[in-house]
């Protein structure tokens, strides 16, 4: 009898152990209404797989963010190099304008040596500025006025209907550095 009792007791312990394992795999929890709900716990492998997936996602997002940062800073650096000379070139534009006006007056004079000397200096200055990326904005009388590429100083009555809304005269040349206009041409338009 005692043998059967101990035998049954060992069977009960085995059954209880199996039941305890099932309890370990399932956790009871109370929800907001006070009802018990069953939440299944994940196995160790499943938990590790989820953690790995989360870390991979974090890594990929961080890597993508870093690549975007590199691309953005590279673009900013290129833009900075393109426009680094902008202030120097802007300060040289009045000198270039003065040379253009001087060329008109010198061509009227009779002194060939003086004309040739000023032309050489003028060409050297223009070539130096062009080598740094300076370009003249191509606007001339008779072109349609576009506020994106020229600045209207004044309007005068147009000589003909064909000149209405068009450029009548260019008072000051415009220049751009790369694709950016650093000084808009100043023009007179027909009204």
N, C-alpha and C. Protein backbone atom coordinates (compact mmCIF):
# COMPACT_ATOMS: atom_id res chain seq x y z
N UNK A 1 0.81 -1.18 0.00
CA UNK A 1 0.00 0.00 0.00
C UNK A 1 0.86 1.25 0.00
N UNK A 2 1.87 1.21 0.84
CA UNK A 2 2.73 2.38 0.85
C UNK A 2 3.46 2.53 -0.47
N UNK A 3 3.75 1.35 -1.07
CA UNK A 3 4.43 1.42 -2.35
C UNK A 3 3.55 2.10 -3.38
N UNK A 4 2.28 1.72 -3.40
CA UNK A 4 1.36 2.35 -4.35
C UNK A 4 1.20 3.84 -4.06
N UNK A 5 1.17 4.21 -2.79
CA UNK A 5 1.03 5.60 -2.42
C UNK A 5 2.22 6.42 -2.94
N UNK A 6 3.43 5.86 -2.68
CA UNK A 6 4.61 6.56 -3.15
C UNK A 6 4.68 6.57 -4.67
N UNK A 7 4.21 5.46 -5.24
CA UNK A 7 4.21 5.39 -6.70
C UNK A 7 3.23 6.42 -7.25
N UNK A 8 2.05 6.51 -6.66
CA UNK A 8 1.07 7.50 -7.09
C UNK A 8 1.57 8.92 -6.81
N UNK A 9 2.24 9.08 -5.70
CA UNK A 9 2.79 10.38 -5.35
C UNK A 9 3.83 10.81 -6.38
N UNK A 10 4.67 9.87 -6.82
CA UNK A 10 5.66 10.21 -7.84
C UNK A 10 4.99 10.52 -9.17
N UNK A 11 3.92 9.82 -9.48
CA UNK A 11 3.17 10.14 -10.70
C UNK A 11 2.56 11.53 -10.60
N UNK A 12 2.06 11.88 -9.44
CA UNK A 12 1.47 13.20 -9.26
C UNK A 12 2.54 14.28 -9.39
N UNK A 13 3.71 14.01 -8.89
CA UNK A 13 4.81 14.97 -9.00
C UNK A 13 5.19 15.16 -10.45
N UNK A 14 5.23 14.06 -11.18
CA UNK A 14 5.54 14.15 -12.61
C UNK A 14 4.47 14.94 -13.33
N UNK A 15 3.22 14.68 -13.00
CA UNK A 15 2.12 15.41 -13.63
C UNK A 15 2.18 16.89 -13.25
N UNK A 16 2.49 17.18 -11.98
CA UNK A 16 2.60 18.56 -11.54
C UNK A 16 3.74 19.27 -12.25
N UNK A 17 4.84 18.59 -12.48
CA UNK A 17 5.98 19.19 -13.17
C UNK A 17 5.58 19.55 -14.60
N UNK A 18 4.87 18.67 -15.26
CA UNK A 18 4.41 18.97 -16.62
C UNK A 18 3.46 20.15 -16.60
N UNK A 19 2.58 20.20 -15.59
CA UNK A 19 1.65 21.30 -15.47
C UNK A 19 2.39 22.61 -15.20
N UNK A 20 3.44 22.54 -14.34
CA UNK A 20 4.24 23.72 -14.05
C UNK A 20 4.94 24.22 -15.31
N UNK A 21 5.39 23.33 -16.17
CA UNK A 21 6.03 23.74 -17.42
C UNK A 21 5.03 24.45 -18.32
N UNK A 22 3.80 23.93 -18.34
CA UNK A 22 2.78 24.60 -19.14
C UNK A 22 2.49 25.98 -18.57
N UNK A 23 2.49 26.11 -17.25
CA UNK A 23 2.25 27.40 -16.61
C UNK A 23 3.38 28.36 -16.95
N UNK A 24 4.63 27.85 -17.01
CA UNK A 24 5.75 28.70 -17.36
C UNK A 24 5.61 29.27 -18.77
N UNK A 25 5.05 28.49 -19.66
CA UNK A 25 4.91 28.93 -21.03
C UNK A 25 3.74 29.88 -21.21
N UNK A 26 2.78 29.89 -20.31
CA UNK A 26 1.61 30.75 -20.41
C UNK A 26 1.52 31.55 -19.12
N UNK A 27 1.37 32.85 -19.24
CA UNK A 27 1.26 33.72 -18.08
C UNK A 27 -0.14 34.30 -18.05
N UNK A 28 -0.74 34.31 -16.89
CA UNK A 28 -2.06 34.90 -16.73
C UNK A 28 -1.88 36.35 -16.33
N UNK A 29 -2.72 37.21 -16.89
CA UNK A 29 -2.61 38.62 -16.58
C UNK A 29 -4.01 39.20 -16.53
N UNK A 30 -4.22 40.17 -15.67
CA UNK A 30 -5.52 40.82 -15.57
C UNK A 30 -5.56 41.98 -16.55
N UNK A 31 -6.67 42.11 -17.28
CA UNK A 31 -6.80 43.25 -18.18
C UNK A 31 -7.51 44.38 -17.45
N UNK A 32 -7.86 45.43 -18.14
CA UNK A 32 -8.47 46.60 -17.52
C UNK A 32 -9.81 46.28 -16.87
N UNK A 33 -10.54 45.32 -17.39
CA UNK A 33 -11.85 44.95 -16.82
C UNK A 33 -11.73 43.98 -15.66
N UNK A 34 -10.55 43.57 -15.30
CA UNK A 34 -10.36 42.63 -14.21
C UNK A 34 -10.44 41.18 -14.67
N UNK A 35 -10.64 40.95 -15.97
CA UNK A 35 -10.70 39.59 -16.49
C UNK A 35 -9.29 39.08 -16.70
N UNK A 36 -9.13 37.79 -16.51
CA UNK A 36 -7.81 37.22 -16.74
C UNK A 36 -7.68 36.89 -18.22
N UNK A 37 -6.55 37.32 -18.79
CA UNK A 37 -6.25 36.96 -20.17
C UNK A 37 -4.95 36.20 -20.18
N UNK A 38 -4.77 35.39 -21.19
CA UNK A 38 -3.59 34.54 -21.27
C UNK A 38 -2.63 35.16 -22.29
N UNK A 39 -1.41 35.37 -21.87
CA UNK A 39 -0.37 35.88 -22.76
C UNK A 39 0.66 34.79 -22.89
N UNK A 40 0.94 34.41 -24.12
CA UNK A 40 1.93 33.35 -24.34
C UNK A 40 3.32 33.98 -24.33
N UNK A 41 4.19 33.39 -23.56
CA UNK A 41 5.57 33.85 -23.55
C UNK A 41 6.30 33.17 -24.69
N UNK A 42 7.23 33.89 -25.26
CA UNK A 42 7.98 33.36 -26.39
C UNK A 42 9.11 32.48 -25.90
N UNK A 43 9.48 31.57 -26.73
CA UNK A 43 10.63 30.74 -26.38
C UNK A 43 11.88 31.61 -26.48
N UNK A 44 12.97 31.12 -25.95
CA UNK A 44 14.22 31.87 -25.93
C UNK A 44 14.67 32.18 -27.37
N UNK A 45 14.54 31.22 -28.27
CA UNK A 45 14.96 31.43 -29.66
C UNK A 45 14.10 32.49 -30.33
N UNK A 46 12.79 32.44 -30.09
CA UNK A 46 11.90 33.44 -30.69
C UNK A 46 12.20 34.82 -30.15
N UNK A 47 12.47 34.93 -28.86
CA UNK A 47 12.79 36.22 -28.25
C UNK A 47 14.10 36.77 -28.83
N UNK A 48 15.09 35.91 -28.97
CA UNK A 48 16.36 36.34 -29.56
C UNK A 48 16.18 36.77 -31.01
N UNK A 49 15.35 36.06 -31.75
CA UNK A 49 15.09 36.42 -33.14
C UNK A 49 14.43 37.79 -33.22
N UNK A 50 13.48 38.05 -32.32
CA UNK A 50 12.83 39.37 -32.32
C UNK A 50 13.82 40.46 -31.94
N UNK A 51 14.65 40.21 -30.95
CA UNK A 51 15.65 41.19 -30.55
C UNK A 51 16.63 41.46 -31.69
N UNK A 52 17.03 40.41 -32.39
CA UNK A 52 17.93 40.57 -33.52
C UNK A 52 17.28 41.40 -34.61
N UNK A 53 16.02 41.15 -34.90
CA UNK A 53 15.30 41.91 -35.92
C UNK A 53 15.22 43.40 -35.54
N UNK A 54 14.96 43.67 -34.26
CA UNK A 54 14.90 45.06 -33.80
C UNK A 54 16.25 45.75 -33.96
N UNK A 55 17.32 45.05 -33.59
CA UNK A 55 18.65 45.64 -33.70
C UNK A 55 19.05 45.86 -35.15
N UNK A 56 18.67 44.91 -36.02
CA UNK A 56 18.95 45.08 -37.46
C UNK A 56 18.23 46.31 -37.99
N UNK A 57 16.98 46.48 -37.59
CA UNK A 57 16.20 47.64 -38.03
C UNK A 57 16.85 48.93 -37.55
N UNK A 58 17.29 48.96 -36.29
CA UNK A 58 17.97 50.15 -35.77
C UNK A 58 19.24 50.44 -36.55
N UNK A 59 19.99 49.38 -36.82
CA UNK A 59 21.25 49.53 -37.57
C UNK A 59 20.98 50.07 -38.97
N UNK A 60 20.00 49.51 -39.67
CA UNK A 60 19.70 49.96 -41.02
C UNK A 60 19.24 51.42 -41.04
N UNK A 61 18.44 51.79 -40.06
CA UNK A 61 17.98 53.18 -40.00
C UNK A 61 19.16 54.12 -39.72
N UNK A 62 20.02 53.73 -38.81
CA UNK A 62 21.19 54.54 -38.49
C UNK A 62 22.12 54.65 -39.70
N UNK A 63 22.32 53.55 -40.40
CA UNK A 63 23.16 53.55 -41.59
C UNK A 63 22.57 54.46 -42.67
N UNK A 64 21.26 54.38 -42.88
CA UNK A 64 20.60 55.22 -43.89
C UNK A 64 20.71 56.70 -43.51
N UNK A 65 20.55 56.99 -42.23
CA UNK A 65 20.66 58.37 -41.76
C UNK A 65 22.08 58.89 -41.98
N UNK A 66 23.07 58.06 -41.72
CA UNK A 66 24.46 58.46 -41.93
C UNK A 66 24.75 58.69 -43.41
N UNK A 67 24.24 57.83 -44.28
CA UNK A 67 24.43 58.01 -45.72
C UNK A 67 23.79 59.31 -46.20
N UNK A 68 22.61 59.62 -45.70
CA UNK A 68 21.95 60.89 -46.05
C UNK A 68 22.78 62.08 -45.56
N UNK A 69 23.33 61.96 -44.37
CA UNK A 69 24.17 63.02 -43.83
C UNK A 69 25.41 63.23 -44.71
N UNK A 70 26.06 62.14 -45.10
CA UNK A 70 27.24 62.25 -45.97
C UNK A 70 26.89 62.91 -47.29
N UNK A 71 25.78 62.48 -47.89
CA UNK A 71 25.35 63.04 -49.18
C UNK A 71 25.05 64.53 -49.05
N UNK A 72 24.36 64.90 -47.97
CA UNK A 72 23.99 66.30 -47.76
C UNK A 72 25.23 67.17 -47.54
N UNK A 73 26.18 66.71 -46.71
CA UNK A 73 27.38 67.51 -46.45
C UNK A 73 28.27 67.60 -47.69
N UNK A 74 28.31 66.55 -48.48
CA UNK A 74 29.08 66.60 -49.73
C UNK A 74 28.49 67.63 -50.67
N UNK A 75 27.17 67.63 -50.78
CA UNK A 75 26.49 68.60 -51.65
C UNK A 75 26.74 70.02 -51.16
N UNK A 76 26.65 70.24 -49.83
CA UNK A 76 26.90 71.56 -49.27
C UNK A 76 28.33 72.00 -49.51
N UNK A 77 29.27 71.07 -49.39
CA UNK A 77 30.68 71.40 -49.62
C UNK A 77 30.91 71.81 -51.07
N UNK A 78 30.31 71.08 -52.00
CA UNK A 78 30.45 71.42 -53.42
C UNK A 78 29.87 72.80 -53.69
N UNK A 79 28.70 73.09 -53.12
CA UNK A 79 28.09 74.42 -53.28
C UNK A 79 28.98 75.50 -52.69
N UNK A 80 29.59 75.21 -51.55
CA UNK A 80 30.47 76.18 -50.92
C UNK A 80 31.68 76.47 -51.80
N UNK A 81 32.26 75.43 -52.39
CA UNK A 81 33.41 75.64 -53.27
C UNK A 81 33.02 76.43 -54.51
N UNK A 82 31.82 76.17 -55.01
CA UNK A 82 31.38 76.89 -56.21
C UNK A 82 31.19 78.37 -55.94
N UNK A 83 30.70 78.70 -54.76
CA UNK A 83 30.39 80.09 -54.46
C UNK A 83 31.36 80.73 -53.47
N UNK A 84 32.49 80.10 -53.21
CA UNK A 84 33.45 80.64 -52.24
C UNK A 84 34.01 81.99 -52.69
N UNK A 85 34.15 82.17 -53.99
CA UNK A 85 34.72 83.40 -54.52
C UNK A 85 33.68 84.49 -54.74
N UNK A 86 32.45 84.23 -54.37
CA UNK A 86 31.36 85.14 -54.71
C UNK A 86 31.61 86.57 -54.22
N UNK A 87 32.01 86.73 -52.97
CA UNK A 87 32.20 88.08 -52.45
C UNK A 87 33.36 88.80 -53.14
N UNK A 88 34.42 88.08 -53.41
CA UNK A 88 35.57 88.69 -54.10
C UNK A 88 35.16 89.11 -55.51
N UNK A 89 34.44 88.21 -56.19
CA UNK A 89 34.01 88.53 -57.55
C UNK A 89 33.02 89.69 -57.56
N UNK A 90 32.13 89.73 -56.58
CA UNK A 90 31.18 90.86 -56.49
C UNK A 90 31.92 92.19 -56.30
N UNK A 91 32.98 92.17 -55.52
CA UNK A 91 33.73 93.41 -55.31
C UNK A 91 34.53 93.81 -56.55
N UNK A 92 34.82 92.85 -57.42
CA UNK A 92 35.57 93.16 -58.65
C UNK A 92 34.67 93.62 -59.80
N UNK A 93 33.37 93.39 -59.70
CA UNK A 93 32.46 93.75 -60.79
C UNK A 93 32.44 95.26 -61.08
N UNK A 94 32.44 96.14 -60.08
CA UNK A 94 32.51 97.57 -60.42
C UNK A 94 33.79 97.94 -61.17
N UNK A 95 34.89 97.28 -60.86
CA UNK A 95 36.14 97.54 -61.58
C UNK A 95 35.98 97.10 -63.04
N UNK A 96 35.36 95.96 -63.25
CA UNK A 96 35.11 95.48 -64.62
C UNK A 96 34.19 96.44 -65.37
N UNK A 97 33.18 96.96 -64.68
CA UNK A 97 32.28 97.95 -65.32
C UNK A 97 33.04 99.21 -65.70
N UNK A 98 33.92 99.67 -64.81
CA UNK A 98 34.72 100.86 -65.11
C UNK A 98 35.63 100.61 -66.32
N UNK A 99 36.20 99.42 -66.41
CA UNK A 99 37.02 99.10 -67.57
C UNK A 99 36.19 99.10 -68.85
N UNK A 100 34.97 98.58 -68.79
CA UNK A 100 34.10 98.59 -69.98
C UNK A 100 33.82 100.02 -70.43
N UNK A 101 33.54 100.91 -69.47
CA UNK A 101 33.28 102.31 -69.82
C UNK A 101 34.56 102.97 -70.35
N UNK A 102 35.70 102.63 -69.74
CA UNK A 102 36.98 103.20 -70.19
C UNK A 102 37.29 102.75 -71.61
N UNK A 103 36.94 101.52 -71.93
CA UNK A 103 37.22 101.01 -73.29
C UNK A 103 36.45 101.81 -74.34
N UNK A 104 35.23 102.20 -74.01
CA UNK A 104 34.42 102.99 -74.95
C UNK A 104 35.10 104.34 -75.19
N UNK A 105 35.57 104.98 -74.13
CA UNK A 105 36.21 106.30 -74.27
C UNK A 105 37.58 106.21 -74.91
N UNK A 106 38.34 105.19 -74.58
CA UNK A 106 39.69 105.06 -75.12
C UNK A 106 39.64 104.77 -76.62
N UNK A 107 38.63 104.03 -77.06
CA UNK A 107 38.51 103.74 -78.49
C UNK A 107 38.28 105.02 -79.29
N UNK A 108 37.78 106.06 -78.63
CA UNK A 108 37.57 107.36 -79.30
C UNK A 108 38.88 108.14 -79.44
N UNK A 109 39.85 107.82 -78.58
CA UNK A 109 41.11 108.57 -78.60
C UNK A 109 41.99 108.13 -79.76
N UNK A 110 43.00 108.91 -80.04
CA UNK A 110 43.91 108.65 -81.15
C UNK A 110 45.15 107.88 -80.73
N UNK A 111 45.38 107.74 -79.43
CA UNK A 111 46.59 107.11 -78.93
C UNK A 111 46.45 105.58 -78.98
N UNK A 112 47.12 104.96 -79.96
CA UNK A 112 47.02 103.51 -80.14
C UNK A 112 47.69 102.73 -79.02
N UNK A 113 48.82 103.21 -78.51
CA UNK A 113 49.53 102.51 -77.44
C UNK A 113 48.69 102.48 -76.16
N UNK A 114 48.09 103.60 -75.84
CA UNK A 114 47.24 103.67 -74.66
C UNK A 114 46.03 102.73 -74.82
N UNK A 115 45.41 102.74 -75.98
CA UNK A 115 44.26 101.87 -76.26
C UNK A 115 44.66 100.41 -76.13
N UNK A 116 45.80 100.05 -76.71
CA UNK A 116 46.26 98.67 -76.66
C UNK A 116 46.58 98.24 -75.23
N UNK A 117 47.20 99.12 -74.44
CA UNK A 117 47.54 98.80 -73.05
C UNK A 117 46.30 98.57 -72.19
N UNK A 118 45.32 99.44 -72.34
CA UNK A 118 44.08 99.31 -71.56
C UNK A 118 43.33 98.05 -72.00
N UNK A 119 43.32 97.76 -73.30
CA UNK A 119 42.67 96.54 -73.79
C UNK A 119 43.32 95.28 -73.20
N UNK A 120 44.65 95.27 -73.13
CA UNK A 120 45.35 94.12 -72.55
C UNK A 120 44.98 93.93 -71.07
N UNK A 121 44.97 95.03 -70.30
CA UNK A 121 44.62 94.93 -68.88
C UNK A 121 43.16 94.49 -68.73
N UNK A 122 42.30 95.03 -69.56
CA UNK A 122 40.88 94.67 -69.52
C UNK A 122 40.68 93.18 -69.81
N UNK A 123 41.37 92.66 -70.81
CA UNK A 123 41.26 91.24 -71.16
C UNK A 123 41.82 90.34 -70.05
N UNK A 124 42.94 90.76 -69.45
CA UNK A 124 43.51 89.98 -68.35
C UNK A 124 42.53 89.88 -67.18
N UNK A 125 41.92 91.01 -66.85
CA UNK A 125 40.95 91.02 -65.75
C UNK A 125 39.75 90.13 -66.08
N UNK A 126 39.21 90.27 -67.28
CA UNK A 126 38.07 89.45 -67.69
C UNK A 126 38.42 87.96 -67.67
N UNK A 127 39.58 87.61 -68.18
CA UNK A 127 40.00 86.20 -68.21
C UNK A 127 40.19 85.64 -66.80
N UNK A 128 40.74 86.46 -65.89
CA UNK A 128 40.93 86.01 -64.51
C UNK A 128 39.58 85.75 -63.84
N UNK A 129 38.62 86.63 -64.07
CA UNK A 129 37.30 86.45 -63.47
C UNK A 129 36.55 85.27 -64.09
N UNK A 130 36.69 85.09 -65.39
CA UNK A 130 36.04 83.96 -66.06
C UNK A 130 36.64 82.64 -65.59
N UNK A 131 37.95 82.62 -65.33
CA UNK A 131 38.59 81.40 -64.85
C UNK A 131 38.10 81.00 -63.45
N UNK A 132 37.59 81.96 -62.71
CA UNK A 132 37.03 81.69 -61.38
C UNK A 132 35.55 81.34 -61.44
N UNK A 133 34.99 81.27 -62.65
CA UNK A 133 33.59 80.83 -62.82
C UNK A 133 32.61 81.93 -63.12
N UNK A 134 33.06 83.15 -63.31
CA UNK A 134 32.16 84.26 -63.59
C UNK A 134 31.70 84.21 -65.05
N UNK A 135 30.39 84.36 -65.25
CA UNK A 135 29.83 84.40 -66.59
C UNK A 135 28.90 85.60 -66.69
N UNK A 136 28.84 86.18 -67.87
CA UNK A 136 27.93 87.30 -68.09
C UNK A 136 26.54 86.76 -68.40
N UNK A 137 25.51 87.37 -67.80
CA UNK A 137 24.13 86.99 -68.10
C UNK A 137 23.79 87.60 -69.45
N UNK A 138 23.35 86.76 -70.36
CA UNK A 138 23.10 87.19 -71.74
C UNK A 138 21.71 87.82 -71.86
N UNK A 139 21.66 89.14 -71.73
CA UNK A 139 20.43 89.90 -71.89
C UNK A 139 20.74 91.07 -72.80
N UNK A 140 19.89 91.28 -73.80
CA UNK A 140 20.12 92.40 -74.72
C UNK A 140 18.81 93.07 -75.09
N UNK A 141 18.90 94.25 -75.67
CA UNK A 141 17.71 95.00 -76.08
C UNK A 141 16.92 94.17 -77.09
N UNK A 142 15.60 94.17 -76.89
CA UNK A 142 14.72 93.41 -77.77
C UNK A 142 14.28 92.08 -77.19
N UNK A 143 14.96 91.60 -76.15
CA UNK A 143 14.56 90.35 -75.49
C UNK A 143 13.32 90.59 -74.64
N UNK A 144 12.54 89.55 -74.45
CA UNK A 144 11.38 89.64 -73.56
C UNK A 144 11.89 89.76 -72.12
N UNK A 145 11.23 90.62 -71.34
CA UNK A 145 11.64 90.83 -69.96
C UNK A 145 11.22 89.64 -69.11
N UNK A 146 12.17 89.11 -68.32
CA UNK A 146 11.91 88.02 -67.38
C UNK A 146 12.48 88.44 -66.04
N UNK A 147 11.61 88.61 -65.05
CA UNK A 147 12.04 89.10 -63.74
C UNK A 147 12.96 88.12 -63.02
N UNK A 148 13.02 86.87 -63.48
CA UNK A 148 13.92 85.89 -62.87
C UNK A 148 15.36 86.10 -63.31
N UNK A 149 15.57 86.81 -64.41
CA UNK A 149 16.92 86.97 -64.94
C UNK A 149 17.35 88.42 -65.11
N UNK A 150 16.49 89.38 -64.82
CA UNK A 150 16.85 90.79 -64.97
C UNK A 150 16.06 91.62 -63.97
N UNK A 151 16.61 92.80 -63.67
CA UNK A 151 15.96 93.73 -62.75
C UNK A 151 15.55 94.97 -63.53
N UNK A 152 14.25 95.28 -63.51
CA UNK A 152 13.76 96.45 -64.23
C UNK A 152 13.98 97.69 -63.38
N UNK A 153 14.72 98.65 -63.91
CA UNK A 153 14.99 99.89 -63.20
C UNK A 153 13.85 100.88 -63.45
N UNK A 154 13.43 100.95 -64.68
CA UNK A 154 12.36 101.88 -65.04
C UNK A 154 11.63 101.38 -66.28
N UNK A 155 10.48 102.02 -66.53
CA UNK A 155 9.71 101.72 -67.74
C UNK A 155 9.58 103.01 -68.54
N UNK A 156 9.70 102.89 -69.84
CA UNK A 156 9.51 104.05 -70.71
C UNK A 156 8.48 103.68 -71.76
N UNK A 157 7.85 104.68 -72.37
CA UNK A 157 6.90 104.36 -73.44
C UNK A 157 7.63 103.64 -74.59
N UNK A 158 7.05 102.56 -75.05
CA UNK A 158 7.67 101.77 -76.10
C UNK A 158 7.56 102.50 -77.44
N UNK A 159 8.58 102.39 -78.27
CA UNK A 159 8.59 103.01 -79.58
C UNK A 159 7.56 102.35 -80.50
N UNK A 160 7.30 101.06 -80.28
CA UNK A 160 6.31 100.35 -81.09
C UNK A 160 5.60 99.33 -80.21
N UNK A 161 4.50 98.81 -80.73
CA UNK A 161 3.77 97.79 -79.97
C UNK A 161 4.61 96.53 -79.78
N UNK A 162 5.51 96.27 -80.68
CA UNK A 162 6.35 95.07 -80.59
C UNK A 162 7.32 95.14 -79.41
N UNK A 163 7.65 96.36 -78.95
CA UNK A 163 8.60 96.53 -77.85
C UNK A 163 7.94 96.58 -76.47
N UNK A 164 6.61 96.48 -76.41
CA UNK A 164 5.93 96.51 -75.11
C UNK A 164 6.27 95.24 -74.33
N UNK A 165 6.72 95.42 -73.09
CA UNK A 165 7.08 94.30 -72.23
C UNK A 165 8.44 93.71 -72.57
N UNK A 166 9.17 94.37 -73.45
CA UNK A 166 10.50 93.88 -73.82
C UNK A 166 11.57 94.84 -73.31
N UNK A 167 12.79 94.37 -73.32
CA UNK A 167 13.91 95.17 -72.85
C UNK A 167 14.27 96.19 -73.92
N UNK A 168 14.30 97.48 -73.50
CA UNK A 168 14.64 98.56 -74.42
C UNK A 168 16.14 98.86 -74.35
N UNK A 169 16.70 98.83 -73.12
CA UNK A 169 18.11 99.15 -72.96
C UNK A 169 18.65 98.41 -71.73
N UNK A 170 19.93 98.02 -71.79
CA UNK A 170 20.60 97.38 -70.66
C UNK A 170 21.53 98.42 -70.05
N UNK A 171 21.24 98.83 -68.80
CA UNK A 171 22.04 99.86 -68.15
C UNK A 171 23.28 99.29 -67.47
N UNK A 172 23.17 98.10 -66.91
CA UNK A 172 24.30 97.47 -66.21
C UNK A 172 24.27 95.97 -66.48
N UNK A 173 25.41 95.42 -66.85
CA UNK A 173 25.48 93.99 -67.15
C UNK A 173 25.26 93.16 -65.90
N UNK A 174 24.73 91.96 -66.09
CA UNK A 174 24.54 91.03 -64.99
C UNK A 174 25.54 89.90 -65.10
N UNK A 175 25.84 89.28 -63.97
CA UNK A 175 26.81 88.20 -63.95
C UNK A 175 26.30 87.06 -63.07
N UNK A 176 26.75 85.86 -63.42
CA UNK A 176 26.40 84.70 -62.60
C UNK A 176 27.67 83.90 -62.32
N UNK A 177 27.61 83.22 -61.19
CA UNK A 177 28.71 82.36 -60.75
C UNK A 177 28.16 80.95 -60.76
N UNK A 178 28.58 80.15 -61.71
CA UNK A 178 27.99 78.82 -61.89
C UNK A 178 26.57 78.99 -62.39
N UNK A 179 25.60 78.46 -61.65
CA UNK A 179 24.20 78.59 -62.03
C UNK A 179 23.51 79.72 -61.26
N UNK A 180 24.19 80.31 -60.29
CA UNK A 180 23.59 81.32 -59.43
C UNK A 180 23.91 82.72 -59.95
N UNK A 181 22.87 83.53 -60.11
CA UNK A 181 23.07 84.92 -60.53
C UNK A 181 23.51 85.72 -59.32
N UNK A 182 24.70 86.33 -59.42
CA UNK A 182 25.20 87.11 -58.29
C UNK A 182 24.93 88.60 -58.46
N UNK A 183 24.68 89.04 -59.70
CA UNK A 183 24.23 90.40 -59.95
C UNK A 183 23.31 90.38 -61.16
N UNK A 184 22.07 90.82 -60.93
CA UNK A 184 21.10 90.84 -62.01
C UNK A 184 21.38 92.01 -62.93
N UNK A 185 21.17 91.83 -64.23
CA UNK A 185 21.33 92.96 -65.14
C UNK A 185 20.24 94.00 -64.87
N UNK A 186 20.60 95.26 -64.91
CA UNK A 186 19.63 96.34 -64.72
C UNK A 186 19.20 96.83 -66.09
N UNK A 187 17.87 96.78 -66.33
CA UNK A 187 17.36 97.07 -67.67
C UNK A 187 16.22 98.08 -67.61
N UNK A 188 15.96 98.66 -68.77
CA UNK A 188 14.80 99.53 -68.99
C UNK A 188 13.86 98.75 -69.88
N UNK A 189 12.56 98.74 -69.51
CA UNK A 189 11.60 97.99 -70.33
C UNK A 189 10.57 98.92 -70.94
N UNK A 190 10.01 98.50 -72.06
CA UNK A 190 8.99 99.29 -72.76
C UNK A 190 7.62 99.06 -72.16
N UNK A 191 6.86 100.17 -72.12
CA UNK A 191 5.53 100.09 -71.52
C UNK A 191 4.46 100.28 -72.57
